Amino acid sequence: MGWNESDKALVIFRVNTAPKQAELIPVGGRLNDGTVMANSERLKKHINMAPDVRTLARTFSNLMFQVGAFTDEEAMKIFETSKFS
C-alpha cells in the first residue's frame, strides 16, 4: 500500500455491479484511532480481527469489496451519511 497507515482511515465499500454500472456502497471501516464502524455486527467483528490497516486493506480488496484511504474527517462524513453504528 502506498500510504502511511498512521494518519489514514480506511473505508470499506461493497462493489455492486448490477444492473449496468459499478457502484461502491460504503459498508464499514476503521478510523486512525482504531474506532470501527460498520453496517452490521458481523462485519464489525471481521474488521476488528485485522491487526492493522494493511491487513485490513488486503483482506477487503477483492471482487466483492474495495477499500479507500481517507482522513478521519472524510471517513466520519461517509460513516455519518451511511448511518453506521
PDB file of N, CA and C in Angstrom:
ATOM      1  N   MET A   1       0.839  -1.176   0.000  1.00  0.00           N
ATOM      2  CA  MET A   1       0.000   0.000   0.000  1.00  0.00           C
ATOM      3  C   MET A   1       0.888   1.244   0.000  1.00  0.00           C
ATOM      4  N   GLY A   2       0.393   2.308  -0.600  1.00  0.00           N
ATOM      5  CA  GLY A   2       1.211   3.488  -0.759  1.00  0.00           C
ATOM      6  C   GLY A   2       0.887   4.606   0.206  1.00  0.00           C
ATOM      7  N   TRP A   3       0.355   4.322   1.373  1.00  0.00           N
ATOM      8  CA  TRP A   3       0.055   5.392   2.301  1.00  0.00           C
ATOM      9  C   TRP A   3       0.626   5.064   3.668  1.00  0.00           C
ATOM     10  N   ASN A   4       0.764   6.089   4.467  1.00  0.00           N
ATOM     11  CA  ASN A   4       1.224   5.920   5.835  1.00  0.00           C
ATOM     12  C   ASN A   4       0.002   5.630   6.685  1.00  0.00           C
ATOM     13  N   GLU A   5      -0.114   4.384   7.147  1.00  0.00           N
ATOM     14  CA  GLU A   5      -1.322   3.989   7.855  1.00  0.00           C
ATOM     15  C   GLU A   5      -1.543   4.719   9.172  1.00  0.00           C
ATOM     16  N   SER A   6      -0.522   5.375   9.681  1.00  0.00           N
ATOM     17  CA  SER A   6      -0.686   6.051  10.965  1.00  0.00           C
ATOM     18  C   SER A   6      -1.570   7.295  10.859  1.00  0.00           C
ATOM     19  N   ASP A   7      -1.753   7.833   9.651  1.00  0.00           N
ATOM     20  CA  ASP A   7      -2.580   9.033   9.543  1.00  0.00           C
ATOM     21  C   ASP A   7      -3.708   8.875   8.526  1.00  0.00           C
ATOM     22  N   LYS A   8      -4.161   7.641   8.302  1.00  0.00           N
ATOM     23  CA  LYS A   8      -5.261   7.407   7.377  1.00  0.00           C
ATOM     24  C   LYS A   8      -6.312   6.511   8.006  1.00  0.00           C
ATOM     25  N   ALA A   9      -7.538   6.755   7.635  1.00  0.00           N
ATOM     26  CA  ALA A   9      -8.647   5.883   7.995  1.00  0.00           C
ATOM     27  C   ALA A   9      -8.997   5.076   6.751  1.00  0.00           C
ATOM     28  N   LEU A  10      -9.520   3.883   6.951  1.00  0.00           N
ATOM     29  CA  LEU A  10      -9.951   3.061   5.831  1.00  0.00           C
ATOM     30  C   LEU A  10     -11.464   2.967   5.807  1.00  0.00           C
ATOM     31  N   VAL A  11     -12.029   3.083   4.623  1.00  0.00           N
ATOM     32  CA  VAL A  11     -13.458   2.863   4.439  1.00  0.00           C
ATOM     33  C   VAL A  11     -13.595   1.692   3.484  1.00  0.00           C
ATOM     34  N   ILE A  12     -14.430   0.733   3.864  1.00  0.00           N
ATOM     35  CA  ILE A  12     -14.660  -0.458   3.057  1.00  0.00           C
ATOM     36  C   ILE A  12     -15.948  -0.250   2.265  1.00  0.00           C
ATOM     37  N   PHE A  13     -15.868  -0.518   0.980  1.00  0.00           N
ATOM     38  CA  PHE A  13     -17.017  -0.362   0.090  1.00  0.00           C
ATOM     39  C   PHE A  13     -17.385  -1.720  -0.487  1.00  0.00           C
ATOM     40  N   ARG A  14     -18.687  -2.000  -0.539  1.00  0.00           N
ATOM     41  CA  ARG A  14     -19.160  -3.190  -1.243  1.00  0.00           C
ATOM     42  C   ARG A  14     -19.334  -2.799  -2.702  1.00  0.00           C
ATOM     43  N   VAL A  15     -18.882  -3.661  -3.593  1.00  0.00           N
ATOM     44  CA  VAL A  15     -18.977  -3.391  -5.024  1.00  0.00           C
ATOM     45  C   VAL A  15     -20.288  -3.977  -5.536  1.00  0.00           C
ATOM     46  N   ASN A  16     -21.106  -3.132  -6.110  1.00  0.00           N
ATOM     47  CA  ASN A  16     -22.367  -3.565  -6.706  1.00  0.00           C
ATOM     48  C   ASN A  16     -22.239  -3.366  -8.204  1.00  0.00           C
ATOM     49  N   THR A  17     -22.283  -4.450  -8.966  1.00  0.00           N
ATOM     50  CA  THR A  17     -22.092  -4.365 -10.411  1.00  0.00           C
ATOM     51  C   THR A  17     -23.381  -4.545 -11.201  1.00  0.00           C
ATOM     52  N   ALA A  18     -24.490  -4.644 -10.512  1.00  0.00           N
ATOM     53  CA  ALA A  18     -25.761  -4.816 -11.222  1.00  0.00           C
ATOM     54  C   ALA A  18     -26.566  -3.528 -11.108  1.00  0.00           C
ATOM     55  N   PRO A  19     -27.290  -3.113 -12.040  1.00  0.00           N
ATOM     56  CA  PRO A  19     -27.535  -3.786 -13.311  1.00  0.00           C
ATOM     57  C   PRO A  19     -26.465  -3.489 -14.361  1.00  0.00           C
ATOM     58  N   LYS A  20     -25.975  -2.251 -14.482  1.00  0.00           N
ATOM     59  CA  LYS A  20     -25.003  -1.968 -15.547  1.00  0.00           C
ATOM     60  C   LYS A  20     -23.725  -1.348 -15.011  1.00  0.00           C
ATOM     61  N   GLN A  21     -23.839  -0.236 -14.332  1.00  0.00           N
ATOM     62  CA  GLN A  21     -22.649   0.478 -13.858  1.00  0.00           C
ATOM     63  C   GLN A  21     -22.260   0.002 -12.473  1.00  0.00           C
ATOM     64  N   ALA A  22     -20.952  -0.113 -12.267  1.00  0.00           N
ATOM     65  CA  ALA A  22     -20.464  -0.491 -10.944  1.00  0.00           C
ATOM     66  C   ALA A  22     -20.636   0.682  -9.992  1.00  0.00           C
ATOM     67  N   GLU A  23     -21.048   0.387  -8.787  1.00  0.00           N
ATOM     68  CA  GLU A  23     -21.136   1.417  -7.756  1.00  0.00           C
ATOM     69  C   GLU A  23     -20.504   0.891  -6.482  1.00  0.00           C
ATOM     70  N   LEU A  24     -19.938   1.793  -5.711  1.00  0.00           N
ATOM     71  CA  LEU A  24     -19.302   1.443  -4.449  1.00  0.00           C
ATOM     72  C   LEU A  24     -20.180   1.935  -3.315  1.00  0.00           C
ATOM     73  N   ILE A  25     -20.623   1.001  -2.475  1.00  0.00           N
ATOM     74  CA  ILE A  25     -21.511   1.319  -1.363  1.00  0.00           C
ATOM     75  C   ILE A  25     -20.721   1.169  -0.068  1.00  0.00           C
ATOM     76  N   PRO A  26     -20.582   2.244   0.730  1.00  0.00           N
ATOM     77  CA  PRO A  26     -19.814   2.121   1.977  1.00  0.00           C
ATOM     78  C   PRO A  26     -20.506   1.175   2.962  1.00  0.00           C
ATOM     79  N   VAL A  27     -19.730   0.249   3.517  1.00  0.00           N
ATOM     80  CA  VAL A  27     -20.294  -0.708   4.471  1.00  0.00           C
ATOM     81  C   VAL A  27     -19.576  -0.717   5.813  1.00  0.00           C
ATOM     82  N   GLY A  28     -18.403  -0.086   5.917  1.00  0.00           N
ATOM     83  CA  GLY A  28     -17.699  -0.066   7.195  1.00  0.00           C
ATOM     84  C   GLY A  28     -16.313   0.528   7.057  1.00  0.00           C
ATOM     85  N   GLY A  29     -15.554   0.443   8.153  1.00  0.00           N
ATOM     86  CA  GLY A  29     -14.194   0.942   8.114  1.00  0.00           C
ATOM     87  C   GLY A  29     -13.602   1.130   9.494  1.00  0.00           C
ATOM     88  N   ARG A  30     -12.372   1.621   9.491  1.00  0.00           N
ATOM     89  CA  ARG A  30     -11.646   1.848  10.744  1.00  0.00           C
ATOM     90  C   ARG A  30     -10.992   3.222  10.695  1.00  0.00           C
ATOM     91  N   LEU A  31     -11.188   3.977  11.764  1.00  0.00           N
ATOM     92  CA  LEU A  31     -10.558   5.292  11.871  1.00  0.00           C
ATOM     93  C   LEU A  31      -9.115   5.140  12.344  1.00  0.00           C
ATOM     94  N   ASN A  32      -8.377   6.221  12.247  1.00  0.00           N
ATOM     95  CA  ASN A  32      -6.983   6.280  12.652  1.00  0.00           C
ATOM     96  C   ASN A  32      -6.785   5.817  14.096  1.00  0.00           C
ATOM     97  N   ASP A  33      -7.708   6.145  14.982  1.00  0.00           N
ATOM     98  CA  ASP A  33      -7.565   5.792  16.403  1.00  0.00           C
ATOM     99  C   ASP A  33      -8.020   4.369  16.723  1.00  0.00           C
ATOM    100  N   GLY A  34      -8.440   3.597  15.683  1.00  0.00           N
ATOM    101  CA  GLY A  34      -8.865   2.218  15.899  1.00  0.00           C
ATOM    102  C   GLY A  34     -10.366   2.041  16.023  1.00  0.00           C
ATOM    103  N   THR A  35     -11.115   3.141  16.032  1.00  0.00           N
ATOM    104  CA  THR A  35     -12.568   3.054  16.102  1.00  0.00           C
ATOM    105  C   THR A  35     -13.104   2.357  14.861  1.00  0.00           C
ATOM    106  N   VAL A  36     -13.948   1.344  15.066  1.00  0.00           N
ATOM    107  CA  VAL A  36     -14.516   0.579  13.959  1.00  0.00           C
ATOM    108  C   VAL A  36     -15.984   0.931  13.803  1.00  0.00           C
ATOM    109  N   MET A  37     -16.371   1.188  12.565  1.00  0.00           N
ATOM    110  CA  MET A  37     -17.767   1.480  12.236  1.00  0.00           C
ATOM    111  C   MET A  37     -18.169   0.499  11.147  1.00  0.00           C
ATOM    112  N   ALA A  38     -19.404  -0.022  11.217  1.00  0.00           N
ATOM    113  CA  ALA A  38     -19.870  -0.950  10.194  1.00  0.00           C
ATOM    114  C   ALA A  38     -21.383  -0.975  10.169  1.00  0.00           C
ATOM    115  N   ASN A  39     -21.924  -1.463   9.064  1.00  0.00           N
ATOM    116  CA  ASN A  39     -23.380  -1.526   8.942  1.00  0.00           C
ATOM    117  C   ASN A  39     -23.948  -2.819   9.519  1.00  0.00           C
ATOM    118  N   SER A  40     -23.085  -3.712  10.036  1.00  0.00           N
ATOM    119  CA  SER A  40     -23.560  -4.927  10.703  1.00  0.00           C
ATOM    120  C   SER A  40     -22.550  -5.360  11.760  1.00  0.00           C
ATOM    121  N   GLU A  41     -23.045  -6.067  12.753  1.00  0.00           N
ATOM    122  CA  GLU A  41     -22.153  -6.562  13.815  1.00  0.00           C
ATOM    123  C   GLU A  41     -21.169  -7.595  13.268  1.00  0.00           C
ATOM    124  N   ARG A  42     -21.608  -8.378  12.307  1.00  0.00           N
ATOM    125  CA  ARG A  42     -20.734  -9.397  11.715  1.00  0.00           C
ATOM    126  C   ARG A  42     -19.538  -8.746  11.009  1.00  0.00           C
ATOM    127  N   LEU A  43     -19.807  -7.718  10.228  1.00  0.00           N
ATOM    128  CA  LEU A  43     -18.720  -7.015   9.542  1.00  0.00           C
ATOM    129  C   LEU A  43     -17.808  -6.329  10.556  1.00  0.00           C
ATOM    130  N   LYS A  44     -18.394  -5.746  11.582  1.00  0.00           N
ATOM    131  CA  LYS A  44     -17.593  -5.096  12.630  1.00  0.00           C
ATOM    132  C   LYS A  44     -16.627  -6.101  13.265  1.00  0.00           C
ATOM    133  N   LYS A  45     -17.111  -7.317  13.496  1.00  0.00           N
ATOM    134  CA  LYS A  45     -16.273  -8.369  14.080  1.00  0.00           C
ATOM    135  C   LYS A  45     -15.104  -8.703  13.146  1.00  0.00           C
ATOM    136  N   HIS A  46     -15.371  -8.821  11.841  1.00  0.00           N
ATOM    137  CA  HIS A  46     -14.311  -9.121  10.884  1.00  0.00           C
ATOM    138  C   HIS A  46     -13.293  -7.988  10.790  1.00  0.00           C
ATOM    139  N   ILE A  47     -13.748  -6.759  10.839  1.00  0.00           N
ATOM    140  CA  ILE A  47     -12.829  -5.617  10.802  1.00  0.00           C
ATOM    141  C   ILE A  47     -11.939  -5.622  12.040  1.00  0.00           C
ATOM    142  N   ASN A  48     -12.524  -5.913  13.200  1.00  0.00           N
ATOM    143  CA  ASN A  48     -11.755  -5.939  14.453  1.00  0.00           C
ATOM    144  C   ASN A  48     -10.708  -7.048  14.480  1.00  0.00           C
ATOM    145  N   MET A  49     -10.891  -8.100  13.693  1.00  0.00           N
ATOM    146  CA  MET A  49      -9.932  -9.210  13.675  1.00  0.00           C
ATOM    147  C   MET A  49      -8.635  -8.838  12.965  1.00  0.00           C
ATOM    148  N   ALA A  50      -8.653  -7.820  12.119  1.00  0.00           N
ATOM    149  CA  ALA A  50      -7.434  -7.409  11.410  1.00  0.00           C
ATOM    150  C   ALA A  50      -6.511  -6.660  12.371  1.00  0.00           C
ATOM    151  N   PRO A  51      -5.254  -7.075  12.481  1.00  0.00           N
ATOM    152  CA  PRO A  51      -4.343  -6.442  13.436  1.00  0.00           C
ATOM    153  C   PRO A  51      -3.909  -5.027  13.045  1.00  0.00           C
ATOM    154  N   ASP A  52      -3.929  -4.711  11.748  1.00  0.00           N
ATOM    155  CA  ASP A  52      -3.512  -3.382  11.310  1.00  0.00           C
ATOM    156  C   ASP A  52      -4.226  -3.035  10.002  1.00  0.00           C
ATOM    157  N   VAL A  53      -4.052  -1.798   9.553  1.00  0.00           N
ATOM    158  CA  VAL A  53      -4.777  -1.348   8.359  1.00  0.00           C
ATOM    159  C   VAL A  53      -4.269  -2.015   7.083  1.00  0.00           C
ATOM    160  N   ARG A  54      -3.014  -2.387   7.037  1.00  0.00           N
ATOM    161  CA  ARG A  54      -2.514  -3.089   5.846  1.00  0.00           C
ATOM    162  C   ARG A  54      -3.217  -4.437   5.682  1.00  0.00           C
ATOM    163  N   THR A  55      -3.342  -5.169   6.777  1.00  0.00           N
ATOM    164  CA  THR A  55      -4.047  -6.445   6.732  1.00  0.00           C
ATOM    165  C   THR A  55      -5.505  -6.228   6.379  1.00  0.00           C
ATOM    166  N   LEU A  56      -6.090  -5.214   6.953  1.00  0.00           N
ATOM    167  CA  LEU A  56      -7.494  -4.893   6.665  1.00  0.00           C
ATOM    168  C   LEU A  56      -7.676  -4.564   5.184  1.00  0.00           C
ATOM    169  N   ALA A  57      -6.774  -3.788   4.633  1.00  0.00           N
ATOM    170  CA  ALA A  57      -6.862  -3.426   3.222  1.00  0.00           C
ATOM    171  C   ALA A  57      -6.708  -4.652   2.332  1.00  0.00           C
ATOM    172  N   ARG A  58      -5.775  -5.530   2.659  1.00  0.00           N
ATOM    173  CA  ARG A  58      -5.592  -6.750   1.859  1.00  0.00           C
ATOM    174  C   ARG A  58      -6.794  -7.675   1.980  1.00  0.00           C
ATOM    175  N   THR A  59      -7.365  -7.777   3.172  1.00  0.00           N
ATOM    176  CA  THR A  59      -8.495  -8.668   3.399  1.00  0.00           C
ATOM    177  C   THR A  59      -9.711  -8.248   2.591  1.00  0.00           C
ATOM    178  N   PHE A  60      -9.947  -6.948   2.494  1.00  0.00           N
ATOM    179  CA  PHE A  60     -11.162  -6.464   1.852  1.00  0.00           C
ATOM    180  C   PHE A  60     -10.939  -5.929   0.433  1.00  0.00           C
ATOM    181  N   SER A  61      -9.784  -6.177  -0.158  1.00  0.00           N
ATOM    182  CA  SER A  61      -9.559  -5.792  -1.550  1.00  0.00           C
ATOM    183  C   SER A  61      -9.741  -7.033  -2.413  1.00  0.00           C
ATOM    184  N   ASN A  62     -10.955  -7.214  -2.905  1.00  0.00           N
ATOM    185  CA  ASN A  62     -11.272  -8.387  -3.708  1.00  0.00           C
ATOM    186  C   ASN A  62     -12.426  -8.040  -4.652  1.00  0.00           C
ATOM    187  N   LEU A  63     -13.056  -9.025  -5.235  1.00  0.00           N
ATOM    188  CA  LEU A  63     -14.141  -8.750  -6.184  1.00  0.00           C
ATOM    189  C   LEU A  63     -15.406  -8.221  -5.508  1.00  0.00           C
ATOM    190  N   MET A  64     -15.588  -8.535  -4.230  1.00  0.00           N
ATOM    191  CA  MET A  64     -16.801  -8.121  -3.535  1.00  0.00           C
ATOM    192  C   MET A  64     -16.654  -6.787  -2.809  1.00  0.00           C
ATOM    193  N   PHE A  65     -15.452  -6.496  -2.332  1.00  0.00           N
ATOM    194  CA  PHE A  65     -15.192  -5.282  -1.563  1.00  0.00           C
ATOM    195  C   PHE A  65     -13.983  -4.535  -2.130  1.00  0.00           C
ATOM    196  N   GLN A  66     -13.953  -3.240  -1.886  1.00  0.00           N
ATOM    197  CA  GLN A  66     -12.788  -2.411  -2.174  1.00  0.00           C
ATOM    198  C   GLN A  66     -12.573  -1.486  -0.978  1.00  0.00           C
ATOM    199  N   VAL A  67     -11.349  -1.025  -0.814  1.00  0.00           N
ATOM    200  CA  VAL A  67     -11.022  -0.164   0.318  1.00  0.00           C
ATOM    201  C   VAL A  67     -10.496   1.170  -0.181  1.00  0.00           C
ATOM    202  N   GLY A  68     -10.820   2.223   0.562  1.00  0.00           N
ATOM    203  CA  GLY A  68     -10.311   3.541   0.244  1.00  0.00           C
ATOM    204  C   GLY A  68      -9.687   4.167   1.480  1.00  0.00           C
ATOM    205  N   ALA A  69      -8.575   4.868   1.291  1.00  0.00           N
ATOM    206  CA  ALA A  69      -7.902   5.564   2.390  1.00  0.00           C
ATOM    207  C   ALA A  69      -8.371   7.009   2.415  1.00  0.00           C
ATOM    208  N   PHE A  70      -8.758   7.474   3.588  1.00  0.00           N
ATOM    209  CA  PHE A  70      -9.277   8.826   3.784  1.00  0.00           C
ATOM    210  C   PHE A  70      -8.693   9.406   5.063  1.00  0.00           C
ATOM    211  N   THR A  71      -8.861  10.710   5.234  1.00  0.00           N
ATOM    212  CA  THR A  71      -8.559  11.292   6.544  1.00  0.00           C
ATOM    213  C   THR A  71      -9.690  10.885   7.480  1.00  0.00           C
ATOM    214  N   ASP A  72      -9.462  11.004   8.774  1.00  0.00           N
ATOM    215  CA  ASP A  72     -10.515  10.676   9.738  1.00  0.00           C
ATOM    216  C   ASP A  72     -11.770  11.514   9.503  1.00  0.00           C
ATOM    217  N   GLU A  73     -11.591  12.789   9.184  1.00  0.00           N
ATOM    218  CA  GLU A  73     -12.731  13.676   8.974  1.00  0.00           C
ATOM    219  C   GLU A  73     -13.566  13.230   7.773  1.00  0.00           C
ATOM    220  N   GLU A  74     -12.877  12.881   6.687  1.00  0.00           N
ATOM    221  CA  GLU A  74     -13.591  12.417   5.491  1.00  0.00           C
ATOM    222  C   GLU A  74     -14.315  11.099   5.762  1.00  0.00           C
ATOM    223  N   ALA A  75     -13.636  10.188   6.455  1.00  0.00           N
ATOM    224  CA  ALA A  75     -14.242   8.896   6.773  1.00  0.00           C
ATOM    225  C   ALA A  75     -15.466   9.076   7.673  1.00  0.00           C
ATOM    226  N   MET A  76     -15.375   9.969   8.664  1.00  0.00           N
ATOM    227  CA  MET A  76     -16.517  10.205   9.553  1.00  0.00           C
ATOM    228  C   MET A  76     -17.719  10.738   8.778  1.00  0.00           C
ATOM    229  N   LYS A  77     -17.482  11.596   7.789  1.00  0.00           N
ATOM    230  CA  LYS A  77     -18.588  12.098   6.960  1.00  0.00           C
ATOM    231  C   LYS A  77     -19.254  10.956   6.213  1.00  0.00           C
ATOM    232  N   ILE A  78     -18.453  10.038   5.692  1.00  0.00           N
ATOM    233  CA  ILE A  78     -19.009   8.870   4.999  1.00  0.00           C
ATOM    234  C   ILE A  78     -19.796   8.010   5.977  1.00  0.00           C
ATOM    235  N   PHE A  79     -19.239   7.767   7.163  1.00  0.00           N
ATOM    236  CA  PHE A  79     -19.916   6.949   8.166  1.00  0.00           C
ATOM    237  C   PHE A  79     -21.242   7.596   8.587  1.00  0.00           C
ATOM    238  N   GLU A  80     -21.213   8.907   8.819  1.00  0.00           N
ATOM    239  CA  GLU A  80     -22.425   9.592   9.276  1.00  0.00           C
ATOM    240  C   GLU A  80     -23.529   9.581   8.215  1.00  0.00           C
ATOM    241  N   THR A  81     -23.168   9.787   6.948  1.00  0.00           N
ATOM    242  CA  THR A  81     -24.184   9.770   5.899  1.00  0.00           C
ATOM    243  C   THR A  81     -24.696   8.356   5.635  1.00  0.00           C
ATOM    244  N   SER A  82     -23.901   7.350   5.996  1.00  0.00           N
ATOM    245  CA  SER A  82     -24.326   5.968   5.810  1.00  0.00           C
ATOM    246  C   SER A  82     -25.010   5.413   7.051  1.00  0.00           C
ATOM    247  N   LYS A  83     -25.054   6.206   8.117  1.00  0.00           N
ATOM    248  CA  LYS A  83     -25.710   5.834   9.383  1.00  0.00           C
ATOM    249  C   LYS A  83     -25.130   4.544   9.983  1.00  0.00           C
ATOM    250  N   PHE A  84     -23.787   4.495  10.050  1.00  0.00           N
ATOM    251  CA  PHE A  84     -23.129   3.350  10.667  1.00  0.00           C
ATOM    252  C   PHE A  84     -23.229   3.459  12.173  1.00  0.00           C
ATOM    253  N   SER A  85     -23.066   2.297  12.837  1.00  0.00           N
ATOM    254  CA  SER A  85     -23.039   2.292  14.315  1.00  0.00           C
ATOM    255  C   SER A  85     -21.672   1.879  14.795  1.00  0.00           C
TER     256      SER A  85
END
